[in-house]
Amino acid sequence: MTTLTLADHAPTQFQVIQCIGNLTAAPELRSTLAGKQVATLRLAIDRRDRAADPVYVDVTVWNGLAAVCGEHLAKGRRLAVTGRLGYPPVGSRGRL
């Protein structure tokens, strides 16, 4: 599973990823203890070989952009995202 993190600031020159896919469900919107908004969503990205299973990418969106995603996005919506690639910390069992 691939995880993509979107922030309000521009990503650095390295580890930039661009994906186009369809939302598998409506974004899940929540707030942190510090009051920051966070939206999580999953993209299904088709492969060139239509017989192959799609690639699923988990996306995390922060702050004001999270609120916009929660308000305007729904299951099945086609979406293009650009952000940085995040890797789970060692020992976290695949969770960021």
PDB file of N, CA and C in Angstrom:
ATOM      1  N   MET A   1       0.835  -1.161   0.000  1.00  0.00           N
ATOM      2  CA  MET A   1       0.000   0.000   0.000  1.00  0.00           C
ATOM      3  C   MET A   1       0.888   1.236   0.000  1.00  0.00           C
ATOM      4  N   THR A   2       0.508   2.216  -0.792  1.00  0.00           N
ATOM      5  CA  THR A   2       1.253   3.457  -0.906  1.00  0.00           C
ATOM      6  C   THR A   2       0.495   4.547  -0.167  1.00  0.00           C
ATOM      7  N   THR A   3       1.197   5.402   0.529  1.00  0.00           N
ATOM      8  CA  THR A   3       0.573   6.506   1.253  1.00  0.00           C
ATOM      9  C   THR A   3       1.077   7.821   0.698  1.00  0.00           C
ATOM     10  N   LEU A   4       0.163   8.736   0.443  1.00  0.00           N
ATOM     11  CA  LEU A   4       0.483  10.051  -0.078  1.00  0.00           C
ATOM     12  C   LEU A   4       0.002  11.079   0.922  1.00  0.00           C
ATOM     13  N   THR A   5       0.827  12.055   1.242  1.00  0.00           N
ATOM     14  CA  THR A   5       0.465  13.109   2.187  1.00  0.00           C
ATOM     15  C   THR A   5       0.431  14.447   1.471  1.00  0.00           C
ATOM     16  N   LEU A   6      -0.688  15.148   1.599  1.00  0.00           N
ATOM     17  CA  LEU A   6      -0.829  16.471   0.998  1.00  0.00           C
ATOM     18  C   LEU A   6      -0.854  17.508   2.108  1.00  0.00           C
ATOM     19  N   ALA A   7      -0.086  18.550   1.960  1.00  0.00           N
ATOM     20  CA  ALA A   7      -0.046  19.634   2.937  1.00  0.00           C
ATOM     21  C   ALA A   7      -0.336  20.947   2.229  1.00  0.00           C
ATOM     22  N   ASP A   8      -0.579  22.000   3.012  1.00  0.00           N
ATOM     23  CA  ASP A   8      -0.869  23.310   2.434  1.00  0.00           C
ATOM     24  C   ASP A   8       0.354  23.928   1.774  1.00  0.00           C
ATOM     25  N   HIS A   9       1.545  23.463   2.099  1.00  0.00           N
ATOM     26  CA  HIS A   9       2.761  24.018   1.507  1.00  0.00           C
ATOM     27  C   HIS A   9       3.194  23.149   0.326  1.00  0.00           C
ATOM     28  N   ALA A  10       3.988  23.721  -0.544  1.00  0.00           N
ATOM     29  CA  ALA A  10       4.464  22.988  -1.723  1.00  0.00           C
ATOM     30  C   ALA A  10       5.438  21.894  -1.292  1.00  0.00           C
ATOM     31  N   PRO A  11       5.334  20.710  -1.913  1.00  0.00           N
ATOM     32  CA  PRO A  11       6.266  19.647  -1.569  1.00  0.00           C
ATOM     33  C   PRO A  11       7.681  19.993  -2.012  1.00  0.00           C
ATOM     34  N   THR A  12       8.651  19.339  -1.402  1.00  0.00           N
ATOM     35  CA  THR A  12      10.038  19.564  -1.772  1.00  0.00           C
ATOM     36  C   THR A  12      10.294  19.021  -3.169  1.00  0.00           C
ATOM     37  N   GLN A  13      11.453  19.270  -3.676  1.00  0.00           N
ATOM     38  CA  GLN A  13      11.816  18.859  -5.020  1.00  0.00           C
ATOM     39  C   GLN A  13      11.840  17.340  -5.162  1.00  0.00           C
ATOM     40  N   PHE A  14      12.139  16.646  -4.071  1.00  0.00           N
ATOM     41  CA  PHE A  14      12.259  15.201  -4.117  1.00  0.00           C
ATOM     42  C   PHE A  14      11.031  14.542  -3.516  1.00  0.00           C
ATOM     43  N   GLN A  15      10.823  13.285  -3.829  1.00  0.00           N
ATOM     44  CA  GLN A  15       9.717  12.481  -3.328  1.00  0.00           C
ATOM     45  C   GLN A  15       8.361  13.044  -3.717  1.00  0.00           C
ATOM     46  N   VAL A  16       8.250  13.699  -4.841  1.00  0.00           N
ATOM     47  CA  VAL A  16       6.981  14.226  -5.311  1.00  0.00           C
ATOM     48  C   VAL A  16       6.303  13.147  -6.154  1.00  0.00           C
ATOM     49  N   ILE A  17       5.017  12.946  -5.898  1.00  0.00           N
ATOM     50  CA  ILE A  17       4.257  11.940  -6.623  1.00  0.00           C
ATOM     51  C   ILE A  17       2.976  12.580  -7.137  1.00  0.00           C
ATOM     52  N   GLN A  18       2.558  12.167  -8.321  1.00  0.00           N
ATOM     53  CA  GLN A  18       1.301  12.625  -8.906  1.00  0.00           C
ATOM     54  C   GLN A  18       0.474  11.397  -9.237  1.00  0.00           C
ATOM     55  N   CYS A  19      -0.793  11.422  -8.844  1.00  0.00           N
ATOM     56  CA  CYS A  19      -1.689  10.293  -9.069  1.00  0.00           C
ATOM     57  C   CYS A  19      -3.024  10.790  -9.588  1.00  0.00           C
ATOM     58  N   ILE A  20      -3.615  10.009 -10.475  1.00  0.00           N
ATOM     59  CA  ILE A  20      -4.978  10.263 -10.942  1.00  0.00           C
ATOM     60  C   ILE A  20      -5.746   8.974 -10.763  1.00  0.00           C
ATOM     61  N   GLY A  21      -6.875   9.058 -10.067  1.00  0.00           N
ATOM     62  CA  GLY A  21      -7.681   7.871  -9.820  1.00  0.00           C
ATOM     63  C   GLY A  21      -9.064   8.243  -9.347  1.00  0.00           C
ATOM     64  N   ASN A  22      -9.817   7.231  -8.949  1.00  0.00           N
ATOM     65  CA  ASN A  22     -11.176   7.420  -8.459  1.00  0.00           C
ATOM     66  C   ASN A  22     -11.225   7.163  -6.959  1.00  0.00           C
ATOM     67  N   LEU A  23     -12.006   7.977  -6.240  1.00  0.00           N
ATOM     68  CA  LEU A  23     -12.160   7.785  -4.804  1.00  0.00           C
ATOM     69  C   LEU A  23     -12.954   6.514  -4.534  1.00  0.00           C
ATOM     70  N   THR A  24     -12.473   5.700  -3.610  1.00  0.00           N
ATOM     71  CA  THR A  24     -13.167   4.456  -3.274  1.00  0.00           C
ATOM     72  C   THR A  24     -14.274   4.685  -2.244  1.00  0.00           C
ATOM     73  N   ALA A  25     -14.232   5.793  -1.538  1.00  0.00           N
ATOM     74  CA  ALA A  25     -15.246   6.154  -0.541  1.00  0.00           C
ATOM     75  C   ALA A  25     -15.155   7.660  -0.296  1.00  0.00           C
ATOM     76  N   ALA A  26     -16.145   8.201   0.371  1.00  0.00           N
ATOM     77  CA  ALA A  26     -16.098   9.619   0.735  1.00  0.00           C
ATOM     78  C   ALA A  26     -14.944   9.845   1.708  1.00  0.00           C
ATOM     79  N   PRO A  27     -14.293  11.005   1.656  1.00  0.00           N
ATOM     80  CA  PRO A  27     -13.193  11.287   2.589  1.00  0.00           C
ATOM     81  C   PRO A  27     -13.658  11.232   4.041  1.00  0.00           C
ATOM     82  N   GLU A  28     -12.789  10.722   4.907  1.00  0.00           N
ATOM     83  CA  GLU A  28     -13.058  10.713   6.347  1.00  0.00           C
ATOM     84  C   GLU A  28     -12.393  11.941   6.950  1.00  0.00           C
ATOM     85  N   LEU A  29     -13.182  12.822   7.528  1.00  0.00           N
ATOM     86  CA  LEU A  29     -12.686  14.077   8.082  1.00  0.00           C
ATOM     87  C   LEU A  29     -12.658  13.987   9.604  1.00  0.00           C
ATOM     88  N   ARG A  30     -11.548  14.392  10.208  1.00  0.00           N
ATOM     89  CA  ARG A  30     -11.426  14.407  11.668  1.00  0.00           C
ATOM     90  C   ARG A  30     -10.511  15.562  12.069  1.00  0.00           C
ATOM     91  N   SER A  31     -10.399  15.802  13.366  1.00  0.00           N
ATOM     92  CA  SER A  31      -9.520  16.847  13.891  1.00  0.00           C
ATOM     93  C   SER A  31      -8.527  16.223  14.861  1.00  0.00           C
ATOM     94  N   THR A  32      -7.315  16.774  14.900  1.00  0.00           N
ATOM     95  CA  THR A  32      -6.314  16.325  15.858  1.00  0.00           C
ATOM     96  C   THR A  32      -6.576  17.002  17.203  1.00  0.00           C
ATOM     97  N   LEU A  33      -5.867  16.575  18.229  1.00  0.00           N
ATOM     98  CA  LEU A  33      -6.005  17.209  19.542  1.00  0.00           C
ATOM     99  C   LEU A  33      -5.576  18.671  19.502  1.00  0.00           C
ATOM    100  N   ALA A  34      -4.674  19.006  18.569  1.00  0.00           N
ATOM    101  CA  ALA A  34      -4.210  20.388  18.422  1.00  0.00           C
ATOM    102  C   ALA A  34      -5.187  21.239  17.602  1.00  0.00           C
ATOM    103  N   GLY A  35      -6.272  20.637  17.103  1.00  0.00           N
ATOM    104  CA  GLY A  35      -7.278  21.385  16.367  1.00  0.00           C
ATOM    105  C   GLY A  35      -7.079  21.426  14.865  1.00  0.00           C
ATOM    106  N   LYS A  36      -6.074  20.714  14.351  1.00  0.00           N
ATOM    107  CA  LYS A  36      -5.861  20.682  12.898  1.00  0.00           C
ATOM    108  C   LYS A  36      -6.808  19.675  12.256  1.00  0.00           C
ATOM    109  N   GLN A  37      -7.324  20.035  11.097  1.00  0.00           N
ATOM    110  CA  GLN A  37      -8.208  19.129  10.373  1.00  0.00           C
ATOM    111  C   GLN A  37      -7.390  18.171   9.510  1.00  0.00           C
ATOM    112  N   VAL A  38      -7.864  16.925   9.449  1.00  0.00           N
ATOM    113  CA  VAL A  38      -7.202  15.887   8.667  1.00  0.00           C
ATOM    114  C   VAL A  38      -8.276  15.115   7.909  1.00  0.00           C
ATOM    115  N   ALA A  39      -8.070  14.928   6.618  1.00  0.00           N
ATOM    116  CA  ALA A  39      -8.962  14.095   5.818  1.00  0.00           C
ATOM    117  C   ALA A  39      -8.147  12.925   5.267  1.00  0.00           C
ATOM    118  N   THR A  40      -8.731  11.746   5.310  1.00  0.00           N
ATOM    119  CA  THR A  40      -8.079  10.581   4.712  1.00  0.00           C
ATOM    120  C   THR A  40      -8.996  10.050   3.622  1.00  0.00           C
ATOM    121  N   LEU A  41      -8.382   9.658   2.537  1.00  0.00           N
ATOM    122  CA  LEU A  41      -9.135   9.112   1.413  1.00  0.00           C
ATOM    123  C   LEU A  41      -8.282   8.085   0.691  1.00  0.00           C
ATOM    124  N   ARG A  42      -8.913   7.272  -0.134  1.00  0.00           N
ATOM    125  CA  ARG A  42      -8.197   6.238  -0.877  1.00  0.00           C
ATOM    126  C   ARG A  42      -8.550   6.356  -2.358  1.00  0.00           C
ATOM    127  N   LEU A  43      -7.499   6.367  -3.178  1.00  0.00           N
ATOM    128  CA  LEU A  43      -7.655   6.398  -4.633  1.00  0.00           C
ATOM    129  C   LEU A  43      -7.454   5.005  -5.204  1.00  0.00           C
ATOM    130  N   ALA A  44      -8.273   4.653  -6.176  1.00  0.00           N
ATOM    131  CA  ALA A  44      -8.073   3.443  -6.960  1.00  0.00           C
ATOM    132  C   ALA A  44      -7.536   3.887  -8.313  1.00  0.00           C
ATOM    133  N   ILE A  45      -6.325   3.460  -8.639  1.00  0.00           N
ATOM    134  CA  ILE A  45      -5.668   3.882  -9.879  1.00  0.00           C
ATOM    135  C   ILE A  45      -5.608   2.692 -10.815  1.00  0.00           C
ATOM    136  N   ASP A  46      -6.236   2.841 -11.989  1.00  0.00           N
ATOM    137  CA  ASP A  46      -6.239   1.761 -12.977  1.00  0.00           C
ATOM    138  C   ASP A  46      -4.855   1.570 -13.574  1.00  0.00           C
ATOM    139  N   ARG A  47      -4.549   0.330 -13.893  1.00  0.00           N
ATOM    140  CA  ARG A  47      -3.302   0.018 -14.594  1.00  0.00           C
ATOM    141  C   ARG A  47      -3.569   0.017 -16.092  1.00  0.00           C
ATOM    142  N   ARG A  48      -2.504   0.054 -16.856  1.00  0.00           N
ATOM    143  CA  ARG A  48      -2.668   0.017 -18.312  1.00  0.00           C
ATOM    144  C   ARG A  48      -3.340  -1.272 -18.759  1.00  0.00           C
ATOM    145  N   ASP A  49      -2.983  -2.369 -18.101  1.00  0.00           N
ATOM    146  CA  ASP A  49      -3.607  -3.656 -18.375  1.00  0.00           C
ATOM    147  C   ASP A  49      -4.928  -3.698 -17.605  1.00  0.00           C
ATOM    148  N   ARG A  50      -6.036  -3.536 -18.295  1.00  0.00           N
ATOM    149  CA  ARG A  50      -7.347  -3.459 -17.639  1.00  0.00           C
ATOM    150  C   ARG A  50      -7.702  -4.736 -16.874  1.00  0.00           C
ATOM    151  N   ALA A  51      -7.080  -5.868 -17.224  1.00  0.00           N
ATOM    152  CA  ALA A  51      -7.364  -7.124 -16.538  1.00  0.00           C
ATOM    153  C   ALA A  51      -6.703  -7.177 -15.160  1.00  0.00           C
ATOM    154  N   ALA A  52      -5.704  -6.326 -14.921  1.00  0.00           N
ATOM    155  CA  ALA A  52      -4.982  -6.313 -13.645  1.00  0.00           C
ATOM    156  C   ALA A  52      -5.771  -5.525 -12.593  1.00  0.00           C
ATOM    157  N   ASP A  53      -5.553  -5.871 -11.344  1.00  0.00           N
ATOM    158  CA  ASP A  53      -6.198  -5.153 -10.248  1.00  0.00           C
ATOM    159  C   ASP A  53      -5.655  -3.725 -10.174  1.00  0.00           C
ATOM    160  N   PRO A  54      -6.487  -2.767  -9.728  1.00  0.00           N
ATOM    161  CA  PRO A  54      -5.997  -1.389  -9.596  1.00  0.00           C
ATOM    162  C   PRO A  54      -4.996  -1.267  -8.453  1.00  0.00           C
ATOM    163  N   VAL A  55      -4.247  -0.182  -8.463  1.00  0.00           N
ATOM    164  CA  VAL A  55      -3.344   0.160  -7.367  1.00  0.00           C
ATOM    165  C   VAL A  55      -4.123   1.081  -6.433  1.00  0.00           C
ATOM    166  N   TYR A  56      -4.077   0.794  -5.130  1.00  0.00           N
ATOM    167  CA  TYR A  56      -4.772   1.624  -4.146  1.00  0.00           C
ATOM    168  C   TYR A  56      -3.758   2.494  -3.423  1.00  0.00           C
ATOM    169  N   VAL A  57      -4.049   3.786  -3.351  1.00  0.00           N
ATOM    170  CA  VAL A  57      -3.158   4.744  -2.706  1.00  0.00           C
ATOM    171  C   VAL A  57      -3.945   5.470  -1.616  1.00  0.00           C
ATOM    172  N   ASP A  58      -3.444   5.410  -0.381  1.00  0.00           N
ATOM    173  CA  ASP A  58      -4.045   6.155   0.723  1.00  0.00           C
ATOM    174  C   ASP A  58      -3.500   7.576   0.710  1.00  0.00           C
ATOM    175  N   VAL A  59      -4.384   8.559   0.832  1.00  0.00           N
ATOM    176  CA  VAL A  59      -4.009   9.968   0.786  1.00  0.00           C
ATOM    177  C   VAL A  59      -4.415  10.630   2.104  1.00  0.00           C
ATOM    178  N   THR A  60      -3.522  11.413   2.679  1.00  0.00           N
ATOM    179  CA  THR A  60      -3.809  12.191   3.882  1.00  0.00           C
ATOM    180  C   THR A  60      -3.718  13.664   3.521  1.00  0.00           C
ATOM    181  N   VAL A  61      -4.765  14.413   3.825  1.00  0.00           N
ATOM    182  CA  VAL A  61      -4.841  15.835   3.484  1.00  0.00           C
ATOM    183  C   VAL A  61      -4.994  16.621   4.786  1.00  0.00           C
ATOM    184  N   TRP A  62      -4.253  17.727   4.926  1.00  0.00           N
ATOM    185  CA  TRP A  62      -4.210  18.497   6.167  1.00  0.00           C
ATOM    186  C   TRP A  62      -4.817  19.884   6.036  1.00  0.00           C
ATOM    187  N   ASN A  63      -5.268  20.423   7.145  1.00  0.00           N
ATOM    188  CA  ASN A  63      -5.686  21.811   7.347  1.00  0.00           C
ATOM    189  C   ASN A  63      -6.848  22.221   6.451  1.00  0.00           C
ATOM    190  N   GLY A  64      -6.779  23.400   5.841  1.00  0.00           N
ATOM    191  CA  GLY A  64      -7.893  23.918   5.052  1.00  0.00           C
ATOM    192  C   GLY A  64      -8.247  23.052   3.862  1.00  0.00           C
ATOM    193  N   LEU A  65      -7.244  22.448   3.259  1.00  0.00           N
ATOM    194  CA  LEU A  65      -7.492  21.563   2.121  1.00  0.00           C
ATOM    195  C   LEU A  65      -8.295  20.335   2.542  1.00  0.00           C
ATOM    196  N   ALA A  66      -8.117  19.889   3.787  1.00  0.00           N
ATOM    197  CA  ALA A  66      -8.885  18.761   4.309  1.00  0.00           C
ATOM    198  C   ALA A  66     -10.372  19.104   4.368  1.00  0.00           C
ATOM    199  N   ALA A  67     -10.687  20.315   4.814  1.00  0.00           N
ATOM    200  CA  ALA A  67     -12.082  20.754   4.899  1.00  0.00           C
ATOM    201  C   ALA A  67     -12.715  20.820   3.509  1.00  0.00           C
ATOM    202  N   VAL A  68     -11.974  21.317   2.543  1.00  0.00           N
ATOM    203  CA  VAL A  68     -12.475  21.404   1.166  1.00  0.00           C
ATOM    204  C   VAL A  68     -12.752  20.002   0.615  1.00  0.00           C
ATOM    205  N   CYS A  69     -11.832  19.073   0.854  1.00  0.00           N
ATOM    206  CA  CYS A  69     -12.022  17.690   0.389  1.00  0.00           C
ATOM    207  C   CYS A  69     -13.261  17.072   1.027  1.00  0.00           C
ATOM    208  N   GLY A  70     -13.428  17.275   2.333  1.00  0.00           N
ATOM    209  CA  GLY A  70     -14.584  16.719   3.024  1.00  0.00           C
ATOM    210  C   GLY A  70     -15.897  17.280   2.518  1.00  0.00           C
ATOM    211  N   GLU A  71     -15.877  18.525   2.094  1.00  0.00           N
ATOM    212  CA  GLU A  71     -17.103  19.183   1.632  1.00  0.00           C
ATOM    213  C   GLU A  71     -17.453  18.851   0.184  1.00  0.00           C
ATOM    214  N   HIS A  72     -16.456  18.703  -0.693  1.00  0.00           N
ATOM    215  CA  HIS A  72     -16.729  18.620  -2.124  1.00  0.00           C
ATOM    216  C   HIS A  72     -16.484  17.259  -2.776  1.00  0.00           C
ATOM    217  N   LEU A  73     -15.841  16.329  -2.092  1.00  0.00           N
ATOM    218  CA  LEU A  73     -15.519  15.052  -2.725  1.00  0.00           C
ATOM    219  C   LEU A  73     -16.451  13.948  -2.261  1.00  0.00           C
ATOM    220  N   ALA A  74     -16.729  13.000  -3.159  1.00  0.00           N
ATOM    221  CA  ALA A  74     -17.605  11.877  -2.844  1.00  0.00           C
ATOM    222  C   ALA A  74     -17.079  10.621  -3.542  1.00  0.00           C
ATOM    223  N   LYS A  75     -17.589   9.476  -3.129  1.00  0.00           N
ATOM    224  CA  LYS A  75     -17.178   8.195  -3.696  1.00  0.00           C
ATOM    225  C   LYS A  75     -17.341   8.203  -5.211  1.00  0.00           C
ATOM    226  N   GLY A  76     -16.337   7.663  -5.911  1.00  0.00           N
ATOM    227  CA  GLY A  76     -16.381   7.550  -7.358  1.00  0.00           C
ATOM    228  C   GLY A  76     -15.841   8.760  -8.099  1.00  0.00           C
ATOM    229  N   ARG A  77     -15.623   9.858  -7.408  1.00  0.00           N
ATOM    230  CA  ARG A  77     -15.137  11.088  -8.040  1.00  0.00           C
ATOM    231  C   ARG A  77     -13.726  10.896  -8.572  1.00  0.00           C
ATOM    232  N   ARG A  78     -13.480  11.346  -9.795  1.00  0.00           N
ATOM    233  CA  ARG A  78     -12.136  11.302 -10.389  1.00  0.00           C
ATOM    234  C   ARG A  78     -11.315  12.420  -9.763  1.00  0.00           C
ATOM    235  N   LEU A  79     -10.074  12.111  -9.374  1.00  0.00           N
ATOM    236  CA  LEU A  79      -9.278  13.064  -8.626  1.00  0.00           C
ATOM    237  C   LEU A  79      -7.820  12.967  -9.031  1.00  0.00           C
ATOM    238  N   ALA A  80      -7.175  14.116  -9.185  1.00  0.00           N
ATOM    239  CA  ALA A  80      -5.730  14.183  -9.427  1.00  0.00           C
ATOM    240  C   ALA A  80      -5.095  14.806  -8.194  1.00  0.00           C
ATOM    241  N   VAL A  81      -4.068  14.164  -7.669  1.00  0.00           N
ATOM    242  CA  VAL A  81      -3.379  14.682  -6.485  1.00  0.00           C
ATOM    243  C   VAL A  81      -1.883  14.755  -6.739  1.00  0.00           C
ATOM    244  N   THR A  82      -1.249  15.735  -6.123  1.00  0.00           N
ATOM    245  CA  THR A  82       0.208  15.882  -6.137  1.00  0.00           C
ATOM    246  C   THR A  82       0.638  16.080  -4.693  1.00  0.00           C
ATOM    247  N   GLY A  83       1.660  15.367  -4.275  1.00  0.00           N
ATOM    248  CA  GLY A  83       2.126  15.491  -2.899  1.00  0.00           C
ATOM    249  C   GLY A  83       3.429  14.756  -2.713  1.00  0.00           C
ATOM    250  N   ARG A  84       3.778  14.525  -1.461  1.00  0.00           N
ATOM    251  CA  ARG A  84       5.010  13.803  -1.186  1.00  0.00           C
ATOM    252  C   ARG A  84       4.678  12.398  -0.718  1.00  0.00           C
ATOM    253  N   LEU A  85       5.558  11.499  -1.019  1.00  0.00           N
ATOM    254  CA  LEU A  85       5.391  10.108  -0.662  1.00  0.00           C
ATOM    255  C   LEU A  85       5.839   9.913   0.772  1.00  0.00           C
ATOM    256  N   GLY A  86       5.006   9.300   1.585  1.00  0.00           N
ATOM    257  CA  GLY A  86       5.345   9.048   2.981  1.00  0.00           C
ATOM    258  C   GLY A  86       5.558   7.565   3.215  1.00  0.00           C
ATOM    259  N   TYR A  87       6.475   7.254   4.091  1.00  0.00           N
ATOM    260  CA  TYR A  87       6.769   5.870   4.438  1.00  0.00           C
ATOM    261  C   TYR A  87       6.443   5.662   5.906  1.00  0.00           C
ATOM    262  N   PRO A  88       5.843   4.522   6.253  1.00  0.00           N
ATOM    263  CA  PRO A  88       5.534   4.280   7.662  1.00  0.00           C
ATOM    264  C   PRO A  88       6.797   4.108   8.491  1.00  0.00           C
ATOM    265  N   PRO A  89       6.796   4.614   9.726  1.00  0.00           N
ATOM    266  CA  PRO A  89       7.956   4.420  10.600  1.00  0.00           C
ATOM    267  C   PRO A  89       8.171   2.933  10.888  1.00  0.00           C
ATOM    268  N   VAL A  90       9.395   2.560  11.157  1.00  0.00           N
ATOM    269  CA  VAL A  90       9.712   1.175  11.464  1.00  0.00           C
ATOM    270  C   VAL A  90       8.952   0.749  12.709  1.00  0.00           C
ATOM    271  N   GLY A  91       8.312  -0.414  12.643  1.00  0.00           N
ATOM    272  CA  GLY A  91       7.571  -0.932  13.788  1.00  0.00           C
ATOM    273  C   GLY A  91       6.153  -0.432  13.913  1.00  0.00           C
ATOM    274  N   SER A  92       5.645   0.320  12.924  1.00  0.00           N
ATOM    275  CA  SER A  92       4.297   0.868  13.031  1.00  0.00           C
ATOM    276  C   SER A  92       3.245  -0.019  12.377  1.00  0.00           C
ATOM    277  N   ARG A  93       3.671  -1.152  11.827  1.00  0.00           N
ATOM    278  CA  ARG A  93       2.767  -2.097  11.158  1.00  0.00           C
ATOM    279  C   ARG A  93       2.012  -1.450  10.012  1.00  0.00           C
ATOM    280  N   GLY A  94       2.699  -0.615   9.256  1.00  0.00           N
ATOM    281  CA  GLY A  94       2.125  -0.049   8.038  1.00  0.00           C
ATOM    282  C   GLY A  94       1.247   1.165   8.219  1.00  0.00           C
ATOM    283  N   ARG A  95       1.173   1.727   9.416  1.00  0.00           N
ATOM    284  CA  ARG A  95       0.341   2.916   9.636  1.00  0.00           C
ATOM    285  C   ARG A  95       1.208   4.143   9.835  1.00  0.00           C
ATOM    286  N   LEU A  96       0.785   5.271   9.232  1.00  0.00           N
ATOM    287  CA  LEU A  96       1.501   6.530   9.432  1.00  0.00           C
ATOM    288  C   LEU A  96       0.990   7.226  10.659  1.00  0.00           C
TER     289      LEU A  96
END
